N, C-alpha and C. Protein backbone atom coordinates (compact mmCIF):
# COMPACT_ATOMS: atom_id res chain seq x y z
N UNK A 1 -72.85 312.95 1.70
CA UNK A 1 -71.97 312.81 0.39
C UNK A 1 -70.79 313.26 0.23
N UNK A 2 -70.12 311.79 0.08
CA UNK A 2 -68.62 311.56 -0.13
C UNK A 2 -67.84 312.69 -0.63
N UNK A 3 -66.69 313.48 -0.24
CA UNK A 3 -66.22 314.36 -1.13
C UNK A 3 -65.05 313.60 -2.03
N UNK A 4 -64.29 314.76 -2.81
CA UNK A 4 -63.38 313.85 -3.94
C UNK A 4 -62.36 313.26 -3.29
N UNK A 5 -61.85 313.88 -2.32
CA UNK A 5 -60.92 312.92 -1.17
C UNK A 5 -61.43 311.75 -1.15
N UNK A 6 -62.98 311.70 -0.19
CA UNK A 6 -63.50 310.46 -0.05
C UNK A 6 -63.68 308.78 -0.99
N UNK A 7 -63.83 309.47 -2.28
CA UNK A 7 -64.33 308.96 -3.53
C UNK A 7 -62.74 308.10 -3.99
N UNK A 8 -61.82 309.38 -4.12
CA UNK A 8 -60.77 308.76 -4.57
C UNK A 8 -59.83 308.05 -3.58
N UNK A 9 -60.50 307.94 -1.99
CA UNK A 9 -59.25 307.09 -1.07
C UNK A 9 -60.27 305.13 -0.79
N UNK A 10 -60.68 305.34 -1.79
CA UNK A 10 -61.48 303.75 -2.02
C UNK A 10 -62.67 303.73 -1.48
N UNK A 11 -62.85 304.25 -0.68
CA UNK A 11 -64.76 304.35 -0.04
C UNK A 11 -65.61 304.42 -0.67
N UNK A 12 -65.69 304.80 -1.91
CA UNK A 12 -66.69 305.66 -2.79
C UNK A 12 -67.63 304.33 -3.44
N UNK A 13 -68.98 304.76 -3.53
CA UNK A 13 -69.50 303.49 -4.45
C UNK A 13 -68.95 302.71 -5.19
N UNK A 14 -69.13 301.67 -5.71
CA UNK A 14 -68.62 300.54 -6.34
C UNK A 14 -68.23 301.05 -7.23
N UNK A 15 -69.44 300.93 -8.04
CA UNK A 15 -70.45 301.25 -9.42
C UNK A 15 -69.14 302.48 -10.16
N UNK A 16 -69.24 303.57 -9.28
CA UNK A 16 -68.65 304.61 -9.72
C UNK A 16 -67.32 304.25 -10.22
N UNK A 17 -66.33 303.53 -9.26
CA UNK A 17 -65.27 303.24 -8.72
C UNK A 17 -65.34 302.38 -10.36
N UNK A 18 -65.76 301.22 -10.49
CA UNK A 18 -65.76 300.76 -11.83
C UNK A 18 -65.66 301.46 -13.12
N UNK A 19 -66.63 302.25 -12.97
CA UNK A 19 -67.00 303.18 -14.42
C UNK A 19 -65.66 304.44 -14.05
N UNK A 20 -64.91 304.71 -13.28
CA UNK A 20 -63.94 305.64 -13.43
C UNK A 20 -62.22 304.59 -13.78
N UNK A 21 -62.66 303.24 -13.51
CA UNK A 21 -61.43 302.27 -13.74
C UNK A 21 -61.67 302.00 -15.53
N UNK A 22 -63.27 302.11 -15.83
CA UNK A 22 -63.04 301.37 -17.19
C UNK A 22 -62.76 302.84 -17.96
N UNK A 23 -62.62 304.09 -17.48
CA UNK A 23 -62.57 304.92 -18.45
C UNK A 23 -61.29 305.33 -18.32
N UNK A 24 -60.49 304.90 -17.44
CA UNK A 24 -59.18 305.14 -17.48
C UNK A 24 -58.66 303.65 -18.44
N UNK A 25 -59.00 303.30 -18.44
CA UNK A 25 -58.96 302.07 -19.30
C UNK A 25 -58.87 302.22 -20.68
N UNK A 26 -59.58 303.17 -20.88
CA UNK A 26 -59.92 303.37 -22.18
C UNK A 26 -61.65 302.70 -22.86
N UNK A 27 -61.80 301.55 -22.13
CA UNK A 27 -62.80 301.31 -22.65
C UNK A 27 -64.40 301.64 -23.45
N UNK A 28 -64.19 303.27 -23.12
CA UNK A 28 -65.58 304.13 -23.42
C UNK A 28 -64.86 304.92 -24.71
N UNK A 29 -63.53 304.55 -25.19
CA UNK A 29 -63.08 305.66 -26.44
C UNK A 29 -63.86 304.86 -27.73
N UNK A 30 -64.60 303.64 -27.89
CA UNK A 30 -64.87 303.52 -29.44
C UNK A 30 -65.64 302.82 -29.89
N UNK A 31 -66.64 303.47 -28.60
CA UNK A 31 -68.45 302.71 -28.64
C UNK A 31 -69.10 303.49 -30.27
N UNK A 32 -69.66 302.69 -30.36
CA UNK A 32 -70.58 303.09 -31.58
C UNK A 32 -71.20 304.21 -31.64
N UNK A 33 -70.75 305.14 -32.60
CA UNK A 33 -71.79 307.08 -32.49
C UNK A 33 -70.83 307.44 -31.20
N UNK A 34 -69.81 307.10 -30.73
CA UNK A 34 -69.27 307.94 -30.02
C UNK A 34 -69.02 309.21 -30.84
N UNK A 35 -68.96 310.55 -29.98
CA UNK A 35 -68.63 311.83 -30.44
C UNK A 35 -69.99 312.53 -31.56
N UNK A 36 -71.01 311.14 -31.42
CA UNK A 36 -72.30 311.74 -33.02
C UNK A 36 -72.93 312.21 -31.84
N UNK A 37 -73.91 313.15 -32.54
CA UNK A 37 -75.66 313.42 -31.47
C UNK A 37 -76.08 311.94 -31.49
N UNK A 38 -76.97 312.10 -30.49
CA UNK A 38 -77.91 310.65 -30.56
C UNK A 38 -79.19 311.12 -31.40
N UNK A 39 -79.64 309.88 -32.04
CA UNK A 39 -80.25 310.02 -33.79
C UNK A 39 -81.67 309.96 -32.81
N UNK A 40 -82.34 310.87 -33.86
CA UNK A 40 -83.61 310.47 -33.78
C UNK A 40 -84.23 311.74 -32.51
N UNK A 41 -83.37 312.96 -31.79
CA UNK A 41 -83.71 313.02 -30.89
C UNK A 41 -84.73 314.10 -30.73
N UNK A 42 -85.16 314.56 -32.47
CA UNK A 42 -85.85 315.74 -33.30
C UNK A 42 -87.16 315.52 -33.56
N UNK A 43 -86.78 314.29 -33.64
CA UNK A 43 -88.55 313.17 -34.14
C UNK A 43 -88.95 313.29 -32.98
N UNK A 44 -90.33 313.11 -32.85
CA UNK A 44 -91.58 313.18 -31.79
C UNK A 44 -91.52 311.88 -31.81
N UNK A 45 -91.54 311.26 -30.00
CA UNK A 45 -91.66 310.30 -29.65
C UNK A 45 -92.48 309.18 -30.20
N UNK A 46 -91.47 308.09 -30.80
CA UNK A 46 -92.51 306.76 -31.44
C UNK A 46 -92.69 305.42 -30.24
N UNK A 47 -93.42 305.39 -29.86
CA UNK A 47 -93.96 303.91 -29.11
C UNK A 47 -92.60 302.54 -30.10
N UNK A 48 -92.81 302.73 -31.01
CA UNK A 48 -92.19 301.30 -31.94
C UNK A 48 -91.19 301.42 -32.54
N UNK A 49 -90.09 302.89 -31.47
CA UNK A 49 -88.90 302.99 -31.87
C UNK A 49 -87.90 301.96 -32.60
N UNK A 50 -87.94 301.07 -31.44
CA UNK A 50 -87.04 299.64 -31.86
C UNK A 50 -87.47 298.84 -32.93
N UNK A 51 -88.94 298.81 -33.23
CA UNK A 51 -89.10 298.19 -34.52
C UNK A 51 -88.77 298.82 -35.99
N UNK A 52 -88.79 300.27 -35.85
CA UNK A 52 -88.00 300.40 -36.74
C UNK A 52 -87.14 300.42 -37.37
N UNK A 53 -86.19 300.44 -35.70
CA UNK A 53 -84.51 300.50 -35.85
C UNK A 53 -84.14 299.05 -36.02
N UNK A 54 -84.37 297.90 -35.67
CA UNK A 54 -84.53 296.82 -36.04
C UNK A 54 -84.60 296.88 -37.44
N UNK A 55 -85.83 296.81 -38.06
CA UNK A 55 -86.06 297.07 -39.54
C UNK A 55 -85.00 297.57 -40.43
N UNK A 56 -84.31 298.92 -40.03
CA UNK A 56 -83.68 299.77 -40.68
C UNK A 56 -82.28 298.46 -40.70
N UNK A 57 -82.01 297.76 -39.17
CA UNK A 57 -80.65 297.26 -39.13
C UNK A 57 -81.31 295.83 -40.36
N UNK A 58 -81.52 295.17 -40.04
CA UNK A 58 -81.95 293.90 -41.04
C UNK A 58 -82.24 294.26 -42.57
N UNK A 59 -82.69 295.71 -42.70
CA UNK A 59 -82.43 296.16 -43.97
C UNK A 59 -80.52 296.11 -44.43
N UNK A 60 -80.01 296.58 -43.37
CA UNK A 60 -78.68 296.90 -44.19
C UNK A 60 -77.81 295.62 -44.00
N UNK A 61 -78.21 294.96 -43.31
CA UNK A 61 -77.79 293.86 -43.25
C UNK A 61 -77.89 292.81 -43.91
N UNK A 62 -79.29 293.35 -44.72
CA UNK A 62 -79.72 292.17 -46.58
C UNK A 62 -78.85 293.72 -47.39
N UNK A 63 -78.60 294.46 -47.55
CA UNK A 63 -77.19 295.17 -48.08
C UNK A 63 -76.01 294.50 -48.25
N UNK A 64 -75.97 294.16 -47.05
CA UNK A 64 -74.22 293.50 -47.13
C UNK A 64 -74.50 292.26 -47.51
N UNK A 65 -75.69 291.25 -47.06
CA UNK A 65 -75.72 290.24 -47.89
C UNK A 65 -75.47 289.83 -48.95
N UNK A 66 -76.34 291.35 -50.09
CA UNK A 66 -76.59 291.04 -51.09
C UNK A 66 -75.04 292.01 -51.88
N UNK A 67 -73.58 292.56 -51.13
CA UNK A 67 -72.86 293.21 -51.37
C UNK A 67 -71.79 291.67 -51.51
N UNK A 68 -71.76 290.22 -50.88
CA UNK A 68 -71.05 289.90 -50.15
C UNK A 68 -71.50 288.23 -51.34
N UNK A 69 -73.04 288.36 -51.86
CA UNK A 69 -72.98 287.65 -53.12
C UNK A 69 -72.38 288.33 -54.14
N UNK A 70 -72.44 289.72 -54.08
CA UNK A 70 -71.82 290.09 -55.80
C UNK A 70 -70.72 289.84 -55.65
N UNK A 71 -69.36 289.86 -54.43
CA UNK A 71 -68.40 289.60 -54.88
C UNK A 71 -67.69 288.47 -54.96
N UNK A 72 -68.74 287.21 -54.21
CA UNK A 72 -68.56 285.80 -54.90
C UNK A 72 -69.00 285.52 -56.08
N UNK A 73 -70.00 286.53 -56.41
CA UNK A 73 -69.78 286.22 -57.95
C UNK A 73 -68.69 286.63 -58.77
N UNK A 74 -68.59 287.80 -58.76
CA UNK A 74 -67.70 288.49 -59.28
C UNK A 74 -66.23 288.40 -59.27
N UNK A 75 -65.34 288.06 -58.01
CA UNK A 75 -64.16 288.42 -58.09
C UNK A 75 -63.55 287.26 -58.68
N UNK A 76 -64.41 285.89 -58.87
CA UNK A 76 -63.09 284.91 -59.87
C UNK A 76 -62.51 285.75 -61.37
N UNK A 77 -64.20 285.93 -61.54
CA UNK A 77 -63.72 286.86 -63.01
C UNK A 77 -62.43 287.75 -63.13
N UNK A 78 -63.00 288.90 -61.94
CA UNK A 78 -62.02 289.96 -61.88
C UNK A 78 -60.46 289.80 -61.86
N UNK A 79 -60.41 288.10 -61.10
CA UNK A 79 -58.77 287.69 -60.85
C UNK A 79 -58.10 286.79 -62.47
N UNK A 80 -58.97 286.93 -62.73
CA UNK A 80 -58.73 286.42 -64.23
C UNK A 80 -59.19 287.24 -65.09
N UNK A 81 -59.18 288.08 -65.37
CA UNK A 81 -59.51 289.36 -66.47
C UNK A 81 -58.00 289.61 -67.02
N UNK A 82 -57.74 289.67 -68.38
CA UNK A 82 -56.84 289.98 -69.10
C UNK A 82 -56.61 291.63 -69.06
N UNK A 83 -57.40 292.63 -68.98
CA UNK A 83 -57.53 293.74 -68.56
C UNK A 83 -56.99 294.05 -66.93
N UNK A 84 -56.33 294.16 -66.31
CA UNK A 84 -55.89 294.47 -65.26
C UNK A 84 -56.45 296.19 -64.81
N UNK A 85 -56.16 296.62 -65.97
CA UNK A 85 -57.08 298.03 -65.42
C UNK A 85 -58.27 298.37 -65.07
N UNK A 86 -59.12 297.14 -65.96
CA UNK A 86 -60.60 297.63 -65.73
C UNK A 86 -61.07 297.07 -64.66
N UNK A 87 -60.45 295.55 -64.40
CA UNK A 87 -60.60 294.65 -63.88
C UNK A 87 -60.17 295.71 -62.15
N UNK A 88 -59.14 296.26 -61.94
CA UNK A 88 -58.92 297.33 -60.74
C UNK A 88 -59.71 298.39 -60.92
N UNK A 89 -60.23 298.27 -61.50
CA UNK A 89 -61.48 299.93 -61.74
C UNK A 89 -62.50 299.28 -60.83
N UNK A 90 -62.94 297.88 -61.37
CA UNK A 90 -63.91 297.40 -60.79
C UNK A 90 -64.45 297.36 -59.49
N UNK A 91 -62.76 296.61 -59.40
CA UNK A 91 -62.42 296.17 -57.21
C UNK A 91 -62.60 297.39 -56.80
N UNK A 92 -62.41 298.76 -57.41
CA UNK A 92 -62.58 300.02 -56.46
C UNK A 92 -63.70 300.14 -56.85
N UNK A 93 -64.27 300.21 -57.12
CA UNK A 93 -66.23 300.43 -57.18
C UNK A 93 -66.52 299.26 -56.34
N UNK A 94 -66.04 298.35 -56.16
CA UNK A 94 -66.61 297.33 -55.29
C UNK A 94 -66.18 297.95 -54.12
N UNK A 95 -65.11 298.26 -53.97
CA UNK A 95 -64.65 299.13 -52.58
C UNK A 95 -65.18 300.20 -52.47
N UNK A 96 -65.39 300.70 -53.17
CA UNK A 96 -66.68 301.92 -52.59
C UNK A 96 -68.02 301.58 -52.01
N UNK A 97 -68.74 300.48 -52.81
CA UNK A 97 -69.85 299.84 -52.32
C UNK A 97 -69.52 299.54 -51.05
N UNK A 98 -68.55 298.84 -50.49
CA UNK A 98 -68.40 298.15 -49.24
C UNK A 98 -68.37 299.18 -48.53
N UNK A 99 -67.36 300.16 -48.15
CA UNK A 99 -67.33 301.61 -47.62
C UNK A 99 -68.93 302.17 -47.49
N UNK A 100 -70.01 302.24 -48.29
CA UNK A 100 -71.20 302.65 -48.02
C UNK A 100 -71.30 301.36 -47.36
N UNK A 101 -71.78 300.24 -47.10
CA UNK A 101 -72.47 299.29 -46.15
C UNK A 101 -71.76 298.99 -45.33
N UNK A 102 -70.99 299.19 -44.84
CA UNK A 102 -69.65 298.97 -44.13
C UNK A 102 -70.08 300.35 -42.48
N UNK A 103 -70.63 301.08 -43.13
CA UNK A 103 -71.14 302.61 -42.64
C UNK A 103 -72.21 302.68 -41.67
N UNK A 104 -73.07 301.11 -42.11
CA UNK A 104 -74.33 301.14 -41.45
C UNK A 104 -74.66 300.08 -41.20
N UNK A 105 -73.93 299.14 -40.77
CA UNK A 105 -74.14 298.09 -39.57
C UNK A 105 -72.66 297.62 -38.71
N UNK A 106 -73.01 296.89 -38.49
CA UNK A 106 -72.18 296.57 -36.71
C UNK A 106 -70.96 296.76 -37.39
N UNK A 107 -69.96 296.54 -36.66
CA UNK A 107 -68.35 295.82 -37.08
C UNK A 107 -68.64 294.61 -36.98
N UNK A 108 -69.18 294.04 -36.02
CA UNK A 108 -68.82 292.75 -36.33
C UNK A 108 -69.36 291.55 -37.61
N UNK A 109 -70.40 292.15 -38.09
CA UNK A 109 -70.81 292.22 -39.86
C UNK A 109 -70.28 292.57 -41.11
N UNK A 110 -69.23 293.41 -40.44
CA UNK A 110 -68.81 294.50 -42.19
C UNK A 110 -67.53 293.73 -42.78
N UNK A 111 -67.36 293.84 -44.07
CA UNK A 111 -66.85 293.32 -44.81
C UNK A 111 -65.67 293.92 -45.33
N UNK A 112 -64.55 292.72 -45.39
CA UNK A 112 -63.19 293.27 -45.85
C UNK A 112 -63.54 293.69 -47.31
N UNK A 113 -62.43 294.64 -47.59
CA UNK A 113 -61.96 295.49 -48.82
C UNK A 113 -61.87 294.18 -49.35
N UNK A 114 -61.25 294.43 -51.01
CA UNK A 114 -61.05 293.13 -51.95
C UNK A 114 -59.69 293.33 -52.66
N UNK A 115 -59.08 292.88 -52.98
CA UNK A 115 -57.98 293.12 -53.27
C UNK A 115 -57.89 292.23 -54.68
N UNK A 116 -57.18 292.20 -55.50
CA UNK A 116 -56.82 291.27 -56.59
C UNK A 116 -55.21 290.77 -56.28
């Protein structure tokens, strides 16, 4: 088994070296769920866990699609609404909804906040 000095000299396991290099570059700093406990550890083993999680993801993505439709429907009217205070209040409500939906979907599917 190599000592720390041997591992640092470049003769260590190439996989370990690659992992250390990635850590040093910060490639693991912003992983989804970083700093949070693993989900479902307190549940009994479910052999269909992957199907349940996939269905939850589909439900979240469906909610995101519904919010996108709502924004496409309301935003043109909000931009032309004469009462700017009421329009901004509705935009704030929509942005709160966007924030809730974004917390349950992957980063690549997130919705950008809207502005007037």
